[in-house]
Amino acid sequence: MLLPHRSRAGRGAWERHAEVRIIRAAEDLVALQPQWWRLWRGAGAAPFLAPAWLLPWWQCFRPGELRSLAVLDDGRLAAL
């Protein structure tokens, strides 16, 4: 979402704002898989943070209520 703000110089400018979603259902996490893979590959993250590891792990162990935050920037997953 783009919202107008005032710059220090007093001129109008546009600023982007991220959207934060609370994920409480495994289905919602599964739906993020394509973007999650792009994010994971781009970050060079550990294998244990990949959807192929975490989703089956959650299905097997379910240690409590699912709570995850997804940060979307302009509709694209920026953090999970």
C-alpha atoms as a PDB file:
ATOM      1  CA  MET A   1       0.000   0.000   0.000  1.00  0.00           C
ATOM      2  CA  LEU A   2       1.322   3.442  -0.794  1.00  0.00           C
ATOM      3  CA  LEU A   3       0.544   6.258   1.573  1.00  0.00           C
ATOM      4  CA  PRO A   4       1.516   9.905   1.220  1.00  0.00           C
ATOM      5  CA  HIS A   5       3.830  11.376   3.804  1.00  0.00           C
ATOM      6  CA  ARG A   6       5.702  14.618   4.265  1.00  0.00           C
ATOM      7  CA  SER A   7       9.419  14.570   3.691  1.00  0.00           C
ATOM      8  CA  ARG A   8      11.764  16.601   5.856  1.00  0.00           C
ATOM      9  CA  ALA A   9      11.991  19.146   3.071  1.00  0.00           C
ATOM     10  CA  GLY A  10       8.225  19.579   3.259  1.00  0.00           C
ATOM     11  CA  ARG A  11       7.554  18.141  -0.193  1.00  0.00           C
ATOM     12  CA  GLY A  12       5.047  15.337  -0.612  1.00  0.00           C
ATOM     13  CA  ALA A  13       6.421  11.870  -1.313  1.00  0.00           C
ATOM     14  CA  TRP A  14       5.146   8.297  -1.422  1.00  0.00           C
ATOM     15  CA  GLU A  15       6.098   5.717   1.128  1.00  0.00           C
ATOM     16  CA  ARG A  16       5.464   1.968   0.956  1.00  0.00           C
ATOM     17  CA  HIS A  17       4.059   0.112   3.931  1.00  0.00           C
ATOM     18  CA  ALA A  18       4.244  -3.596   4.556  1.00  0.00           C
ATOM     19  CA  GLU A  19       1.305  -5.762   5.554  1.00  0.00           C
ATOM     20  CA  VAL A  20       1.731  -8.179   8.452  1.00  0.00           C
ATOM     21  CA  ARG A  21      -0.463 -11.280   8.602  1.00  0.00           C
ATOM     22  CA  ILE A  22      -0.790 -13.670  11.511  1.00  0.00           C
ATOM     23  CA  ILE A  23      -0.856 -17.255  10.228  1.00  0.00           C
ATOM     24  CA  ARG A  24      -2.922 -19.548  12.446  1.00  0.00           C
ATOM     25  CA  ALA A  25      -3.863 -22.348  10.034  1.00  0.00           C
ATOM     26  CA  ALA A  26      -1.504 -24.772   8.316  1.00  0.00           C
ATOM     27  CA  GLU A  27      -3.490 -24.324   5.087  1.00  0.00           C
ATOM     28  CA  ASP A  28      -2.582 -20.628   5.041  1.00  0.00           C
ATOM     29  CA  LEU A  29       1.080 -21.497   5.471  1.00  0.00           C
ATOM     30  CA  VAL A  30       0.836 -24.066   2.661  1.00  0.00           C
ATOM     31  CA  ALA A  31      -0.709 -21.402   0.410  1.00  0.00           C
ATOM     32  CA  LEU A  32       2.442 -19.278   0.851  1.00  0.00           C
ATOM     33  CA  GLN A  33       4.728 -22.065  -0.415  1.00  0.00           C
ATOM     34  CA  PRO A  34       5.588 -20.622  -3.862  1.00  0.00           C
ATOM     35  CA  GLN A  35       6.571 -17.254  -2.386  1.00  0.00           C
ATOM     36  CA  TRP A  36       8.172 -18.948   0.621  1.00  0.00           C
ATOM     37  CA  TRP A  37      10.461 -20.962  -1.717  1.00  0.00           C
ATOM     38  CA  ARG A  38      11.536 -17.754  -3.506  1.00  0.00           C
ATOM     39  CA  LEU A  39      12.233 -16.068  -0.179  1.00  0.00           C
ATOM     40  CA  TRP A  40      14.145 -19.088   1.161  1.00  0.00           C
ATOM     41  CA  ARG A  41      16.307 -19.431  -1.953  1.00  0.00           C
ATOM     42  CA  GLY A  42      17.045 -15.711  -2.082  1.00  0.00           C
ATOM     43  CA  ALA A  43      18.090 -15.635   1.574  1.00  0.00           C
ATOM     44  CA  GLY A  44      20.374 -18.654   1.344  1.00  0.00           C
ATOM     45  CA  ALA A  45      18.712 -19.893   4.529  1.00  0.00           C
ATOM     46  CA  ALA A  46      19.333 -23.157   6.375  1.00  0.00           C
ATOM     47  CA  PRO A  47      17.512 -26.284   5.124  1.00  0.00           C
ATOM     48  CA  PHE A  48      15.486 -26.392   8.322  1.00  0.00           C
ATOM     49  CA  LEU A  49      13.736 -23.144   7.300  1.00  0.00           C
ATOM     50  CA  ALA A  50      12.546 -24.485   3.932  1.00  0.00           C
ATOM     51  CA  PRO A  51       8.875 -25.326   3.352  1.00  0.00           C
ATOM     52  CA  ALA A  52       9.909 -28.912   2.515  1.00  0.00           C
ATOM     53  CA  TRP A  53      11.206 -29.294   6.075  1.00  0.00           C
ATOM     54  CA  LEU A  54       8.892 -27.142   8.187  1.00  0.00           C
ATOM     55  CA  LEU A  55       5.518 -28.128   6.745  1.00  0.00           C
ATOM     56  CA  PRO A  56       5.977 -31.903   7.248  1.00  0.00           C
ATOM     57  CA  TRP A  57       7.531 -31.229  10.654  1.00  0.00           C
ATOM     58  CA  TRP A  58       4.447 -29.268  11.660  1.00  0.00           C
ATOM     59  CA  GLN A  59       2.147 -32.019  10.352  1.00  0.00           C
ATOM     60  CA  CYS A  60       3.981 -34.643  12.456  1.00  0.00           C
ATOM     61  CA  PHE A  61       4.705 -32.866  15.720  1.00  0.00           C
ATOM     62  CA  ARG A  62       2.265 -29.927  16.163  1.00  0.00           C
ATOM     63  CA  PRO A  63       3.821 -28.727  19.414  1.00  0.00           C
ATOM     64  CA  GLY A  64       1.006 -26.260  20.092  1.00  0.00           C
ATOM     65  CA  GLU A  65      -1.038 -23.657  18.292  1.00  0.00           C
ATOM     66  CA  LEU A  66       0.392 -22.488  14.992  1.00  0.00           C
ATOM     67  CA  ARG A  67       1.471 -18.853  15.092  1.00  0.00           C
ATOM     68  CA  SER A  68       3.591 -17.397  12.345  1.00  0.00           C
ATOM     69  CA  LEU A  69       3.938 -13.900  10.954  1.00  0.00           C
ATOM     70  CA  ALA A  70       4.056 -13.233   7.238  1.00  0.00           C
ATOM     71  CA  VAL A  71       5.254  -9.820   6.106  1.00  0.00           C
ATOM     72  CA  LEU A  72       4.130  -8.835   2.622  1.00  0.00           C
ATOM     73  CA  ASP A  73       5.577  -5.878   0.752  1.00  0.00           C
ATOM     74  CA  ASP A  74       3.448  -4.870  -2.192  1.00  0.00           C
ATOM     75  CA  GLY A  75       1.795  -8.308  -2.115  1.00  0.00           C
ATOM     76  CA  ARG A  76       5.085 -10.256  -2.134  1.00  0.00           C
ATOM     77  CA  LEU A  77       6.327 -12.268   0.815  1.00  0.00           C
ATOM     78  CA  ALA A  78       9.227 -10.348   2.371  1.00  0.00           C
ATOM     79  CA  ALA A  79       9.619 -12.229   5.664  1.00  0.00           C
ATOM     80  CA  LEU A  80       8.176 -15.255   7.416  1.00  0.00           C
END
